[in-house]
Amino acid sequence: MQIRKAVIPAAGLGTRMLPAAKAVPKEMLPVLDRPTIQYVVEEAADAGVDDLLLITSRDKKAIEDHFDRNPELEARLKAGGKDSLLSSVHALMATTKIHSVRQHEQRGLGDAVYQARRHVGDEAFLCLLGDTIFSGGKSPAKQLTDAAGRLGTSVIGLEQVPIEKVERYGIVGGVEIEPGIYRLNMLVEKPAKESTPSRLAIAARYVLTPGIFPCLEQTPAGRGGEIQLTDALRLLLEREPIHGIVLDAKRHDIGNPLDWLKTNLLFASRDPQLRAALAPSIADFFG
């Protein structure tokens, strides 16, 4: 199984980041020098993906524009000798075809993924949520595509979460067939801690076979009229095997102000110059 296409759902309203996300998509909020979604696209490209589809909405044109050329801005930067400021995004555009399609109604993550069915066709594909980034260890995209190539099935990225937090996540159950690799037999959306099958939470990264699309078609809308991807995966599991793999990297969710701020500080702390510049201010704030 060779993965050459990726899908990034980024159409959500971002209500936890209001009012900041009213005019600026949460996926465009910066972590240091680049918008969050650029890290996600870079992760996919580094895993060998050369064809990427963004799932956006009418209020998120800024995401589409970020991965398009801006001749006036580029000319000004060139005249000022500052071409390098856009070098990272231009490098992505040179190696990866980036397309977009819009989710016209807010009907949940499952419906967002379903918008990719024509673009993906009959190929397995990488799916990365646009508001979650990772650091440290092997990248999730590379870890999942390598596992899918070897196992030949859908593969879900997993992380261990504390028992008191299982009610916030989709949780899986399964049999460990290799260290950190599970053949799944159960998927439960936000279980009670008393009845959870494990502490293995679905962690915003997937490799999915095209079999997910008929499952999404047959998945009824749940609370709020939303189609849940986990519900469709449960149906897919009845039809074909699915594996889960515990991710090496650490997940960072930027979907709320506190976690976004923590992520910025963490990434800054790993840059020696930024760390040295920030240290006195942080000492003043909290000393």
Protein backbone atom coordinates (compact mmCIF):
# COMPACT_ATOMS: atom_id res chain seq x y z
CA MET A 1 0.00 0.00 0.00
CA GLN A 2 1.67 3.20 -1.21
CA ILE A 3 0.22 6.46 0.12
CA ARG A 4 0.59 9.45 -2.18
CA LYS A 5 -2.53 11.47 -1.27
CA ALA A 6 -3.46 13.27 1.93
CA VAL A 7 -6.64 14.93 3.16
CA ILE A 8 -6.63 17.69 5.78
CA PRO A 9 -10.06 18.55 7.24
CA ALA A 10 -10.00 22.22 8.27
CA ALA A 11 -13.60 23.37 7.99
CA GLY A 12 -14.62 23.51 11.66
CA LEU A 13 -15.85 26.71 13.27
CA GLY A 14 -13.20 26.81 15.97
CA THR A 15 -15.64 27.98 18.64
CA ARG A 16 -13.17 27.30 21.48
CA MET A 17 -10.88 29.96 19.97
CA LEU A 18 -13.47 32.72 19.66
CA PRO A 19 -13.31 35.64 19.26
CA ALA A 20 -9.81 35.13 17.76
CA ALA A 21 -11.17 32.59 15.25
CA LYS A 22 -14.08 34.77 14.09
CA ALA A 23 -12.17 36.24 11.13
CA VAL A 24 -8.95 34.19 11.26
CA PRO A 25 -9.29 30.41 10.91
CA LYS A 26 -7.91 28.62 13.96
CA GLU A 27 -5.67 26.60 11.63
CA MET A 28 -4.04 29.89 10.55
CA LEU A 29 -3.14 30.94 14.09
CA PRO A 30 0.67 30.96 14.27
CA VAL A 31 2.94 28.67 16.18
CA LEU A 32 6.12 30.75 16.12
CA ASP A 33 6.77 31.81 12.53
CA ARG A 34 4.16 29.85 10.57
CA PRO A 35 0.46 29.01 10.72
CA THR A 36 -0.50 25.75 12.40
CA ILE A 37 -1.76 24.17 9.21
CA GLN A 38 1.59 24.64 7.49
CA TYR A 39 3.17 22.28 10.03
CA VAL A 40 0.48 19.72 9.12
CA VAL A 41 1.11 20.08 5.38
CA GLU A 42 4.87 19.81 5.96
CA GLU A 43 4.33 16.62 7.95
CA ALA A 44 2.39 15.06 5.07
CA ALA A 45 4.95 16.16 2.48
CA ASP A 46 7.82 14.77 4.54
CA ALA A 47 6.05 11.39 4.52
CA GLY A 48 6.16 11.30 0.72
CA VAL A 49 2.72 12.72 -0.08
CA ASP A 50 2.71 14.81 -3.27
CA ASP A 51 -1.06 15.37 -3.67
CA LEU A 52 -2.94 17.07 -0.84
CA LEU A 53 -6.56 18.13 -0.45
CA LEU A 54 -7.65 20.77 2.06
CA ILE A 55 -11.28 20.55 3.25
CA THR A 56 -12.25 24.14 4.02
CA SER A 57 -15.40 26.26 4.26
CA ARG A 58 -16.53 29.61 2.87
CA ASP A 59 -15.07 31.46 5.88
CA LYS A 60 -11.62 29.90 5.52
CA LYS A 61 -10.35 31.31 2.25
CA ALA A 62 -7.23 32.45 4.12
CA ILE A 63 -6.09 28.81 4.29
CA GLU A 64 -6.40 28.42 0.53
CA ASP A 65 -4.65 31.76 -0.04
CA HIS A 66 -1.72 30.79 2.17
CA PHE A 67 -0.81 27.99 -0.22
CA ASP A 68 -1.18 30.16 -3.34
CA ARG A 69 1.20 32.67 -4.91
CA ASN A 70 1.03 36.38 -4.03
CA PRO A 71 2.98 38.18 -6.79
CA GLU A 72 2.79 41.66 -5.21
CA LEU A 73 4.06 40.46 -1.82
CA GLU A 74 6.76 38.35 -3.44
CA ALA A 75 7.96 41.30 -5.54
CA ARG A 76 8.20 43.53 -2.46
CA LEU A 77 10.12 40.91 -0.51
CA LYS A 78 12.48 40.35 -3.41
CA ALA A 79 13.14 44.07 -3.78
CA GLY A 80 13.99 44.23 -0.07
CA GLY A 81 16.19 41.16 -0.13
CA LYS A 82 13.74 39.23 2.05
CA ASP A 83 12.85 36.36 -0.28
CA SER A 84 13.68 33.84 2.44
CA LEU A 85 10.64 34.83 4.51
CA LEU A 86 8.38 32.79 2.22
CA SER A 87 10.88 30.06 1.37
CA SER A 88 9.24 27.38 3.54
CA VAL A 89 5.80 27.70 1.97
CA HIS A 90 7.25 28.02 -1.55
CA ALA A 91 9.23 24.83 -1.01
CA LEU A 92 5.97 23.03 -0.15
CA MET A 93 4.21 24.39 -3.21
CA ALA A 94 7.08 23.26 -5.43
CA THR A 95 6.88 19.62 -4.34
CA THR A 96 3.24 19.11 -3.38
CA LYS A 97 0.07 19.74 -5.37
CA ILE A 98 -2.28 21.44 -2.92
CA HIS A 99 -5.99 21.48 -3.80
CA SER A 100 -9.04 22.49 -1.83
CA VAL A 101 -12.74 21.68 -1.66
CA ARG A 102 -15.35 23.21 0.60
CA GLN A 103 -17.64 21.58 3.11
CA HIS A 104 -20.80 23.61 2.55
CA GLU A 105 -22.52 22.64 5.81
CA GLN A 106 -21.03 22.02 9.25
CA ARG A 107 -21.95 18.35 9.51
CA GLY A 108 -18.98 16.98 11.41
CA LEU A 109 -15.61 15.41 10.75
CA GLY A 110 -17.06 12.39 8.98
CA ASP A 111 -18.85 14.59 6.45
CA ALA A 112 -15.68 16.65 5.97
CA VAL A 113 -13.70 13.52 5.09
CA TYR A 114 -16.51 12.44 2.75
CA GLN A 115 -15.93 15.58 0.66
CA ALA A 116 -12.63 13.99 -0.46
CA ARG A 117 -14.20 10.92 -2.07
CA ARG A 118 -13.87 12.10 -5.70
CA HIS A 119 -10.35 13.40 -5.25
CA VAL A 120 -9.14 10.26 -3.49
CA GLY A 121 -10.88 7.77 -5.77
CA ASP A 122 -9.91 4.16 -5.07
CA GLU A 123 -6.65 4.91 -3.25
CA ALA A 124 -5.79 4.66 0.42
CA PHE A 125 -4.98 8.09 1.83
CA LEU A 126 -3.46 9.89 4.78
CA CYS A 127 -5.85 11.99 6.88
CA LEU A 128 -4.45 14.65 9.22
CA LEU A 129 -6.59 16.99 11.31
CA GLY A 130 -5.61 20.58 10.59
CA ASP A 131 -5.64 21.90 14.16
CA THR A 132 -3.24 19.36 15.69
CA ILE A 133 0.54 19.26 15.37
CA PHE A 134 3.21 16.96 16.78
CA SER A 135 6.80 17.25 17.92
CA GLY A 136 9.60 14.86 18.82
CA GLY A 137 10.08 11.30 17.62
CA LYS A 138 9.15 9.92 14.23
CA SER A 139 6.46 11.99 12.56
CA PRO A 140 2.95 10.48 12.78
CA ALA A 141 2.43 10.69 9.01
CA LYS A 142 5.62 8.73 8.33
CA GLN A 143 4.92 6.25 11.11
CA LEU A 144 1.39 5.56 9.80
CA THR A 145 2.28 5.35 6.11
CA ASP A 146 5.14 2.95 6.89
CA ALA A 147 2.79 0.78 8.98
CA ALA A 148 0.06 0.83 6.33
CA GLY A 149 2.57 -0.18 3.67
CA ARG A 150 3.52 -3.20 5.75
CA LEU A 151 0.08 -4.17 7.11
CA GLY A 152 -2.04 -3.31 4.06
CA THR A 153 -4.94 -1.95 6.13
CA SER A 154 -6.31 1.27 7.53
CA VAL A 155 -4.15 2.43 10.44
CA ILE A 156 -5.16 4.85 13.20
CA GLY A 157 -2.71 6.91 15.23
CA LEU A 158 -3.11 6.38 18.98
CA GLU A 159 -1.91 7.92 22.24
CA GLN A 160 -2.22 6.83 25.84
CA VAL A 161 -4.39 9.22 27.87
CA PRO A 162 -5.11 9.33 31.61
CA ILE A 163 -8.18 7.34 32.66
CA GLU A 164 -9.96 10.52 33.77
CA LYS A 165 -9.71 11.92 30.22
CA VAL A 166 -11.07 8.99 28.17
CA GLU A 167 -14.50 10.65 28.11
CA ARG A 168 -13.06 13.36 25.84
CA TYR A 169 -11.85 11.06 23.04
CA GLY A 170 -12.61 8.25 20.68
CA ILE A 171 -11.11 5.18 22.38
CA VAL A 172 -10.09 1.87 20.81
CA GLY A 173 -9.86 -1.69 22.03
CA GLY A 174 -7.76 -4.40 20.46
CA VAL A 175 -5.04 -7.02 20.65
CA GLU A 176 -1.40 -5.98 20.68
CA ILE A 177 0.28 -7.93 17.87
CA GLU A 178 3.63 -6.14 18.09
CA PRO A 179 4.96 -3.59 20.57
CA GLY A 180 2.76 -0.52 20.11
CA ILE A 181 0.72 -2.03 17.24
CA TYR A 182 -2.83 -3.25 17.81
CA ARG A 183 -5.33 -5.15 15.69
CA LEU A 184 -8.49 -3.30 16.63
CA ASN A 185 -11.75 -4.94 17.64
CA MET A 186 -13.62 -1.97 19.09
CA LEU A 187 -14.01 1.79 18.69
CA VAL A 188 -16.02 3.79 21.22
CA GLU A 189 -16.73 7.51 21.08
CA LYS A 190 -16.19 9.22 24.47
CA PRO A 191 -16.77 6.23 26.76
CA ALA A 192 -17.29 6.51 30.51
CA LYS A 193 -14.10 5.68 32.39
CA GLU A 194 -15.88 2.78 34.10
CA SER A 195 -16.56 1.05 30.77
CA THR A 196 -13.70 2.17 28.52
CA PRO A 197 -12.00 -0.65 26.59
CA SER A 198 -8.56 0.95 27.08
CA ARG A 199 -6.76 4.26 27.51
CA LEU A 200 -5.73 4.33 23.83
CA ALA A 201 -7.22 7.46 22.27
CA ILE A 202 -7.51 8.27 18.58
CA ALA A 203 -4.91 10.99 17.97
CA ALA A 204 -5.88 13.08 14.92
CA ARG A 205 -3.94 11.02 12.34
CA TYR A 206 -5.18 8.20 10.11
CA VAL A 207 -4.40 6.17 7.02
CA LEU A 208 -7.78 5.19 5.55
CA THR A 209 -8.71 2.84 2.74
CA PRO A 210 -11.36 3.99 0.22
CA GLY A 211 -13.73 1.60 1.99
CA ILE A 212 -14.37 4.42 4.45
CA PHE A 213 -16.52 6.32 1.93
CA PRO A 214 -19.44 3.83 1.64
CA CYS A 215 -19.30 3.57 5.44
CA LEU A 216 -19.63 7.34 5.73
CA GLU A 217 -22.59 7.24 3.33
CA GLN A 218 -24.31 4.75 5.64
CA THR A 219 -23.46 6.49 8.91
CA PRO A 220 -26.43 8.41 10.33
CA ALA A 221 -25.99 11.87 11.77
CA GLY A 222 -25.71 11.96 15.53
CA ARG A 223 -25.95 14.74 18.08
CA GLY A 224 -26.07 18.18 16.47
CA GLY A 225 -26.64 16.67 13.04
CA GLU A 226 -22.96 15.71 12.76
CA ILE A 227 -21.56 12.59 11.12
CA GLN A 228 -18.81 11.16 13.30
CA LEU A 229 -15.76 9.61 11.66
CA THR A 230 -15.46 7.19 14.60
CA ASP A 231 -18.96 5.83 13.84
CA ALA A 232 -17.97 5.20 10.22
CA LEU A 233 -14.73 3.54 11.33
CA ARG A 234 -16.76 1.21 13.55
CA LEU A 235 -18.73 0.16 10.46
CA LEU A 236 -15.52 -0.21 8.44
CA LEU A 237 -14.13 -2.49 11.15
CA GLU A 238 -17.02 -4.90 10.50
CA ARG A 239 -15.92 -5.15 6.85
CA GLU A 240 -12.12 -5.11 6.93
CA PRO A 241 -9.30 -5.13 9.47
CA ILE A 242 -8.05 -1.91 11.05
CA HIS A 243 -4.85 -1.49 13.01
CA GLY A 244 -3.80 1.15 15.51
CA ILE A 245 -0.28 2.29 16.29
CA VAL A 246 0.89 4.24 19.32
CA LEU A 247 2.54 7.38 18.00
CA ASP A 248 6.12 8.24 18.95
CA ALA A 249 5.60 12.00 18.75
CA LYS A 250 3.84 14.23 21.27
CA ARG A 251 0.51 15.72 20.22
CA HIS A 252 -0.24 19.45 20.55
CA ASP A 253 -3.85 20.63 20.15
CA ILE A 254 -4.12 24.34 19.34
CA GLY A 255 -7.92 24.36 19.53
CA ASN A 256 -8.16 26.40 22.74
CA PRO A 257 -6.22 29.48 23.97
CA LEU A 258 -4.31 27.76 26.78
CA ASP A 259 -3.05 24.85 24.67
CA TRP A 260 -2.18 27.22 21.81
CA LEU A 261 -0.10 29.35 24.18
CA LYS A 262 1.59 26.30 25.70
CA THR A 263 2.48 25.01 22.23
CA ASN A 264 4.06 28.33 21.26
CA LEU A 265 6.12 28.42 24.44
CA LEU A 266 7.20 24.80 24.01
CA PHE A 267 8.32 25.33 20.41
CA ALA A 268 10.09 28.55 21.39
CA SER A 269 11.93 26.79 24.22
CA ARG A 270 13.51 24.43 21.70
CA ASP A 271 15.15 27.30 19.82
CA PRO A 272 18.24 28.44 21.78
CA GLN A 273 18.00 32.07 20.64
CA LEU A 274 14.29 32.37 21.37
CA ARG A 275 14.70 30.60 24.70
CA ALA A 276 17.41 33.03 25.76
CA ALA A 277 15.32 36.01 24.66
CA LEU A 278 12.17 34.81 26.43
CA ALA A 279 13.71 33.60 29.67
CA PRO A 280 13.94 37.03 31.38
CA SER A 281 10.33 37.91 30.50
CA ILE A 282 9.02 34.57 31.74
CA ALA A 283 10.98 34.99 34.95
CA ASP A 284 9.40 38.43 35.40
CA PHE A 285 5.88 37.12 34.73
CA PHE A 286 6.02 34.12 37.04
CA GLY A 287 8.92 34.89 39.35
